[in-house]
N, C-alpha and C. Protein backbone atom coordinates (compact mmCIF):
# COMPACT_ATOMS: atom_id res chain seq x y z
N MET A 1 0.41 10.76 22.68
CA MET A 1 -0.13 11.13 23.38
C MET A 1 -0.46 10.60 24.96
N ASN A 2 -0.16 11.00 25.98
CA ASN A 2 -0.42 10.74 27.01
C ASN A 2 -1.93 11.73 27.59
N ASN A 3 -2.58 10.63 27.94
CA ASN A 3 -3.95 11.16 27.98
C ASN A 3 -4.25 11.27 29.95
N ALA A 4 -3.29 11.08 30.20
CA ALA A 4 -3.16 11.21 32.06
C ALA A 4 -3.08 12.62 32.30
N PRO A 5 -4.27 13.11 33.40
CA PRO A 5 -4.43 14.15 33.84
C PRO A 5 -3.01 14.67 34.24
N ARG A 6 -2.51 16.14 34.32
CA ARG A 6 -1.35 16.65 34.87
C ARG A 6 -1.60 17.82 35.19
N ILE A 7 -0.64 18.10 36.20
CA ILE A 7 -0.01 19.72 36.91
C ILE A 7 1.09 19.99 36.92
N LYS A 8 1.14 21.28 36.82
CA LYS A 8 2.37 21.67 36.51
C LYS A 8 2.72 22.77 37.85
N ILE A 9 3.63 22.36 38.54
CA ILE A 9 4.13 23.11 39.98
C ILE A 9 4.10 24.39 39.60
N ILE A 10 3.95 25.47 40.28
CA ILE A 10 3.98 26.75 39.74
C ILE A 10 4.43 27.52 40.81
N SER A 11 4.57 27.41 42.23
CA SER A 11 4.86 28.00 43.22
C SER A 11 5.04 27.18 44.24
N CYS A 12 5.67 27.38 45.46
CA CYS A 12 5.95 26.51 46.50
C CYS A 12 5.58 28.00 48.23
N LYS A 13 4.92 27.88 48.60
CA LYS A 13 4.87 28.68 49.81
C LYS A 13 5.72 28.61 51.03
N ASP A 14 5.78 26.93 51.05
CA ASP A 14 7.07 26.27 52.34
C ASP A 14 8.04 25.73 51.58
N PRO A 15 9.46 26.56 51.91
CA PRO A 15 10.47 25.75 51.10
C PRO A 15 10.63 24.33 51.96
N LEU A 16 10.02 24.04 52.81
CA LEU A 16 10.28 22.52 53.06
C LEU A 16 9.48 21.50 52.82
N LEU A 17 8.23 21.95 51.84
CA LEU A 17 7.09 21.00 50.70
C LEU A 17 8.27 20.19 49.98
N TRP A 18 8.11 18.91 49.85
CA TRP A 18 8.56 18.29 48.91
C TRP A 18 8.79 18.74 47.78
N TYR A 19 7.93 19.08 47.34
CA TYR A 19 8.20 19.89 45.54
C TYR A 19 8.52 21.33 45.44
N ALA A 20 9.08 21.62 46.78
CA ALA A 20 9.54 23.37 46.64
C ALA A 20 10.81 23.28 45.54
N LYS A 21 11.44 21.88 45.23
CA LYS A 21 12.35 22.37 44.16
C LYS A 21 12.15 21.66 42.93
N HIS A 22 10.82 21.30 42.93
CA HIS A 22 10.10 21.03 41.24
C HIS A 22 8.98 22.03 40.84
N ILE A 23 9.49 23.18 40.99
CA ILE A 23 8.62 24.72 40.27
C ILE A 23 9.07 24.24 39.23
N GLY A 24 7.99 24.55 38.24
CA GLY A 24 7.80 24.49 36.73
C GLY A 24 7.76 22.77 35.99
N GLU A 25 7.63 21.94 37.06
CA GLU A 25 8.19 20.68 36.81
C GLU A 25 6.18 20.40 36.65
N VAL A 26 6.28 19.24 35.35
CA VAL A 26 4.79 18.37 35.28
C VAL A 26 5.04 17.65 36.02
N PHE A 27 3.99 16.89 36.73
CA PHE A 27 3.37 15.64 37.09
C PHE A 27 2.24 15.22 36.92
N ASN A 28 1.83 13.66 36.78
CA ASN A 28 0.50 13.08 36.78
C ASN A 28 0.31 13.22 37.83
N LEU A 29 -1.64 13.43 37.41
CA LEU A 29 -2.11 13.56 38.58
C LEU A 29 -2.57 12.38 38.73
N VAL A 30 -3.07 11.71 39.82
CA VAL A 30 -3.35 10.45 40.88
C VAL A 30 -4.78 10.65 41.10
N ARG A 31 -5.19 11.78 41.74
CA ARG A 31 -6.58 12.15 42.31
C ARG A 31 -6.56 13.08 43.05
N ILE A 32 -7.92 14.30 42.86
CA ILE A 32 -7.70 15.53 43.60
C ILE A 32 -8.56 15.26 44.54
N GLU A 33 -7.90 15.54 46.20
CA GLU A 33 -9.16 15.70 46.94
C GLU A 33 -9.67 17.07 47.52
N GLN A 34 -11.27 17.31 47.81
CA GLN A 34 -11.25 18.35 48.36
C GLN A 34 -12.15 18.22 49.37
N GLY A 35 -12.11 19.47 49.78
CA GLY A 35 -12.53 19.33 51.74
C GLY A 35 -12.38 20.49 51.44
N SER A 36 -11.85 21.00 52.87
CA SER A 36 -11.76 22.82 53.31
C SER A 36 -10.62 22.90 52.54
N LYS A 37 -9.88 22.23 51.82
CA LYS A 37 -8.71 22.83 51.27
C LYS A 37 -8.49 21.84 50.10
N GLU A 38 -8.14 21.93 48.68
CA GLU A 38 -7.67 21.24 47.75
C GLU A 38 -6.19 20.66 47.59
N TYR A 39 -6.31 19.71 47.62
CA TYR A 39 -4.69 18.96 47.53
C TYR A 39 -4.87 17.96 45.60
N TYR A 40 -4.01 18.37 45.19
CA TYR A 40 -3.71 17.51 43.88
C TYR A 40 -2.74 16.34 44.50
N TRP A 41 -2.86 15.11 44.09
CA TRP A 41 -2.37 14.04 44.87
C TRP A 41 -1.16 13.25 43.47
N THR A 42 -0.14 13.27 43.71
CA THR A 42 0.92 12.98 42.52
C THR A 42 1.85 11.72 43.18
N ARG A 43 2.65 11.35 42.24
CA ARG A 43 3.85 10.17 42.57
C ARG A 43 4.97 11.64 42.71
N GLU A 44 6.13 11.36 43.38
CA GLU A 44 7.12 11.76 43.06
C GLU A 44 7.94 11.08 42.40
N LYS A 45 8.30 12.05 41.31
CA LYS A 45 9.66 11.86 40.24
C LYS A 45 10.87 11.08 40.77
N ASP A 46 11.25 10.87 42.17
CA ASP A 46 12.56 10.39 42.85
C ASP A 46 11.87 9.56 43.41
N PRO A 47 13.15 8.08 42.86
CA PRO A 47 12.39 7.30 43.86
C PRO A 47 12.70 6.68 45.06
N PRO A 48 11.72 6.78 46.11
CA PRO A 48 10.87 5.09 45.57
C PRO A 48 9.69 5.48 44.59
N HIS A 49 9.10 7.01 44.14
CA HIS A 49 8.18 7.41 43.72
C HIS A 49 6.67 7.45 44.89
N TYR A 50 7.04 7.98 45.78
CA TYR A 50 5.91 8.26 46.84
C TYR A 50 5.21 8.91 46.55
N LEU A 51 3.64 8.33 46.95
CA LEU A 51 2.38 8.99 46.66
C LEU A 51 2.38 10.41 47.40
N ASN A 52 2.48 11.96 47.04
CA ASN A 52 2.25 12.59 47.99
C ASN A 52 1.45 14.29 47.19
N TRP A 53 1.04 14.67 48.30
CA TRP A 53 0.21 15.82 47.56
C TRP A 53 0.73 17.18 47.11
N VAL A 54 0.11 17.96 46.62
CA VAL A 54 0.38 19.20 46.14
C VAL A 54 -0.68 20.38 46.44
N ALA A 55 -0.57 21.62 47.12
CA ALA A 55 -1.47 22.18 47.42
C ALA A 55 -2.29 22.77 46.10
N GLU A 56 -3.72 23.15 46.08
CA GLU A 56 -4.18 23.55 44.89
C GLU A 56 -3.59 24.81 44.53
N ARG A 57 -3.69 25.91 45.36
CA ARG A 57 -3.28 26.92 45.22
C ARG A 57 -1.41 27.06 44.13
N ASP A 58 -0.48 25.99 44.66
CA ASP A 58 0.55 26.14 44.15
C ASP A 58 0.82 25.33 42.78
N ALA A 59 -0.34 24.70 42.13
CA ALA A 59 -0.24 24.17 40.96
C ALA A 59 -1.26 24.65 39.91
N VAL A 60 -1.36 23.96 38.58
CA VAL A 60 -2.34 24.21 37.66
C VAL A 60 -2.61 23.36 36.91
N MET A 61 -3.49 22.85 36.67
CA MET A 61 -4.46 21.37 36.19
C MET A 61 -3.65 22.13 34.57
N LEU A 62 -3.36 21.39 33.64
CA LEU A 62 -2.83 20.70 32.21
C LEU A 62 -3.99 20.18 31.49
N THR A 63 -4.13 20.86 30.29
CA THR A 63 -4.93 20.29 29.52
C THR A 63 -4.28 19.31 28.75
N ASN A 64 -5.10 18.68 27.63
CA ASN A 64 -3.55 17.56 26.92
C ASN A 64 -2.91 18.68 25.51
N GLU A 65 -4.01 19.85 25.30
CA GLU A 65 -3.50 20.57 24.39
C GLU A 65 -1.98 21.32 24.92
N GLU A 66 -1.67 21.35 26.31
CA GLU A 66 -0.88 22.36 26.59
C GLU A 66 0.30 21.73 26.66
N SER A 67 1.43 22.39 25.87
CA SER A 67 2.87 21.72 26.20
C SER A 67 3.28 21.15 27.48
N LEU A 68 4.57 20.59 27.13
CA LEU A 68 5.41 20.67 28.51
C LEU A 68 6.46 21.46 28.93
């Protein structure tokens, strides 16, 4: 079982963002950035696996019990 925190992309308000084509997919969470807005940081699945952000409003955190 993978114990790393994960997020699932549920929407994308901007079709130009990198994750617009990944709605419904699950990514390992690297960190959460908090401030005036909240962002989840994750690695893209496509090489070269850039570190990139996802707007909090466009994703949900998954628990270890939730299935992919």
